[in-house]
Amino acid sequence: MLALLIWGFALYGIYVALWKLVRVSIRRRERQVPVTAILIVKEGASYIEGILRALTTAEPFVGRELHVVVIDCGSRDETVRIVEGIASKRGTVSLLRVEQEPLPAIGSVITGKSKSVQLLFDLRGNKVSPFDVVPTLAAFWSDQPAWASS
């Protein structure tokens, strides 16, 4: 009788381990699509460091690869220096300086990331609030849709 009980627990343990492996592989496959966040900024020294640090710190915990491309449109403040400093430490952050208006086509600006989901945030002026960038990406990263959490 004891042998049957031990075999039962062993089979249950094997079943649970296999189920966990299947779930992990499904989640990895779902999260394999990298995300490219494109931030268009001008005079963004007051908020760009916070956004970049929040995004690069959160990336290892969400399971998706994140690339952040900052397009600077002629900032005269410390924006370029801040982005270059973070980009030198993190390979997933890059800076593109554009002095002309209007901007060239974003598709031609971002090359080599054609298999990624691209999210565009225009932070110049009052078009998009800098406070909306991280929550929007966090909602995009989450396992469940935003409407399911309420």
Protein backbone atom coordinates (compact mmCIF):
# COMPACT_ATOMS: atom_id res chain seq x y z
CA MET A 1 0.00 0.00 0.00
CA LEU A 2 2.84 2.37 0.85
CA ALA A 3 4.47 1.68 -2.53
CA LEU A 4 1.26 2.71 -4.33
CA LEU A 5 1.15 5.94 -2.34
CA ILE A 6 4.78 6.74 -3.19
CA TRP A 7 4.16 5.99 -6.88
CA GLY A 8 1.07 8.21 -6.80
CA PHE A 9 3.03 11.13 -5.37
CA ALA A 10 5.84 10.56 -7.86
CA LEU A 11 3.44 10.56 -10.83
CA TYR A 12 1.72 13.67 -9.48
CA GLY A 13 5.09 15.41 -9.11
CA ILE A 14 6.07 14.50 -12.67
CA TYR A 15 2.72 15.77 -13.96
CA VAL A 16 3.08 19.10 -12.12
CA ALA A 17 6.66 19.55 -13.36
CA LEU A 18 5.63 18.88 -16.96
CA TRP A 19 2.69 21.27 -16.66
CA LYS A 20 4.99 24.03 -15.35
CA LEU A 21 7.44 23.46 -18.22
CA VAL A 22 4.64 23.70 -20.78
CA ARG A 23 3.36 26.94 -19.24
CA VAL A 24 6.85 28.48 -19.17
CA SER A 25 7.47 27.59 -22.82
CA ILE A 26 4.12 29.06 -23.84
CA ARG A 27 4.87 32.31 -21.99
CA ARG A 28 8.31 32.55 -23.58
CA ARG A 29 6.85 32.11 -27.03
CA GLU A 30 4.22 34.77 -26.36
CA ARG A 31 6.80 37.24 -25.07
CA GLN A 32 9.37 36.76 -27.79
CA VAL A 33 8.14 39.75 -29.78
CA PRO A 34 10.43 42.65 -28.85
CA VAL A 35 9.08 46.14 -28.26
CA THR A 36 10.57 49.33 -29.67
CA ALA A 37 9.53 52.49 -27.84
CA ILE A 38 10.19 55.58 -29.95
CA LEU A 39 10.29 58.80 -27.94
CA ILE A 40 10.29 62.07 -29.87
CA VAL A 41 11.56 64.80 -27.54
CA LYS A 42 12.56 68.44 -27.55
CA GLU A 43 13.78 70.16 -24.40
CA GLY A 44 13.03 67.03 -22.33
CA ALA A 45 15.73 67.16 -19.69
CA SER A 46 13.16 67.43 -16.91
CA TYR A 47 11.57 64.03 -17.62
CA ILE A 48 13.69 61.93 -20.00
CA GLU A 49 16.02 60.46 -17.39
CA GLY A 50 13.12 59.22 -15.26
CA ILE A 51 11.42 57.61 -18.24
CA LEU A 52 14.58 55.90 -19.49
CA ARG A 53 15.59 54.63 -16.05
CA ALA A 54 12.08 53.27 -15.37
CA LEU A 55 11.96 51.47 -18.73
CA THR A 56 15.45 50.00 -18.59
CA THR A 57 15.00 48.91 -14.97
CA ALA A 58 11.65 47.23 -15.65
CA GLU A 59 12.75 45.36 -18.79
CA PRO A 60 14.35 42.30 -17.12
CA PHE A 61 11.21 41.68 -15.09
CA VAL A 62 8.64 41.73 -17.89
CA GLY A 63 10.15 39.16 -20.21
CA ARG A 64 10.10 41.18 -23.40
CA GLU A 65 13.11 42.68 -25.06
CA LEU A 66 12.83 46.46 -25.10
CA HIS A 67 14.58 48.91 -27.39
CA VAL A 68 14.19 52.60 -26.69
CA VAL A 69 14.98 55.04 -29.47
CA VAL A 70 15.04 58.69 -28.44
CA ILE A 71 14.68 61.10 -31.35
CA ASP A 72 15.89 64.53 -30.26
CA CYS A 73 14.57 67.44 -32.29
CA GLY A 74 17.21 70.07 -31.53
CA SER A 75 17.11 70.31 -27.75
CA ARG A 76 19.26 73.04 -26.25
CA ASP A 77 19.10 71.73 -22.69
CA GLU A 78 20.76 68.65 -21.16
CA THR A 79 18.52 66.12 -22.95
CA VAL A 80 21.21 64.84 -25.33
CA ARG A 81 23.78 64.47 -22.57
CA ILE A 82 21.35 62.55 -20.36
CA VAL A 83 20.32 60.15 -23.14
CA GLU A 84 23.93 59.60 -24.26
CA GLY A 85 24.91 58.82 -20.65
CA ILE A 86 22.20 56.19 -20.27
CA ALA A 87 22.80 54.81 -23.78
CA SER A 88 26.48 54.26 -22.96
CA LYS A 89 25.47 52.03 -20.04
CA ARG A 90 22.48 50.31 -21.66
CA GLY A 91 22.72 48.84 -25.15
CA THR A 92 18.96 48.95 -25.58
CA VAL A 93 18.80 52.76 -25.58
CA SER A 94 19.86 54.76 -28.61
CA LEU A 95 19.77 58.42 -29.58
CA LEU A 96 18.99 59.93 -32.95
CA ARG A 97 19.43 63.67 -33.40
CA VAL A 98 17.24 65.33 -36.01
CA GLU A 99 17.63 69.04 -36.61
CA GLN A 100 15.05 69.41 -39.38
CA GLU A 101 11.30 69.72 -39.19
CA PRO A 102 9.19 67.88 -40.19
CA LEU A 103 10.67 64.60 -39.09
CA PRO A 104 11.65 62.02 -41.69
CA ALA A 105 9.45 58.95 -41.90
CA ILE A 106 9.78 57.00 -38.67
CA GLY A 107 9.89 53.71 -40.57
CA SER A 108 13.07 54.76 -42.33
CA VAL A 109 14.59 55.99 -39.08
CA ILE A 110 14.22 52.69 -37.22
CA THR A 111 16.01 49.96 -39.12
CA GLY A 112 16.77 46.40 -38.14
CA LYS A 113 13.80 46.09 -35.79
CA SER A 114 11.15 45.16 -38.33
CA LYS A 115 9.94 42.21 -36.25
CA SER A 116 9.21 44.33 -33.20
CA VAL A 117 6.13 46.12 -32.04
CA GLN A 118 6.78 49.85 -32.35
CA LEU A 119 5.15 52.33 -29.99
CA LEU A 120 5.52 56.01 -30.79
CA PHE A 121 5.37 58.74 -28.13
CA ASP A 122 5.60 62.34 -29.33
CA LEU A 123 6.63 64.23 -26.19
CA ARG A 124 7.16 67.60 -27.88
CA GLY A 125 4.79 70.23 -26.65
CA ASN A 126 1.53 68.98 -25.13
CA LYS A 127 0.84 66.13 -27.53
CA VAL A 128 1.57 63.31 -25.04
CA SER A 129 2.32 63.70 -21.37
CA PRO A 130 5.66 62.24 -20.23
CA PHE A 131 3.74 60.68 -17.33
CA ASP A 132 1.80 58.47 -19.79
CA VAL A 133 4.81 56.68 -21.31
CA VAL A 134 5.72 54.21 -18.56
CA PRO A 135 2.12 53.25 -17.60
CA THR A 136 1.22 52.74 -21.26
CA LEU A 137 4.19 50.43 -21.79
CA ALA A 138 3.48 48.67 -18.48
CA ALA A 139 -0.10 47.98 -19.58
CA PHE A 140 1.22 46.70 -22.90
CA TRP A 141 3.68 44.38 -21.13
CA SER A 142 1.22 42.93 -18.63
CA ASP A 143 -0.07 39.38 -18.97
CA GLN A 144 -3.71 40.42 -18.77
CA PRO A 145 -5.55 43.20 -20.60
CA ALA A 146 -6.12 46.48 -18.75
CA TRP A 147 -9.90 45.95 -18.65
CA ALA A 148 -9.46 42.64 -16.77
CA SER A 149 -7.76 44.28 -13.78
CA SER A 150 -10.74 46.42 -12.80
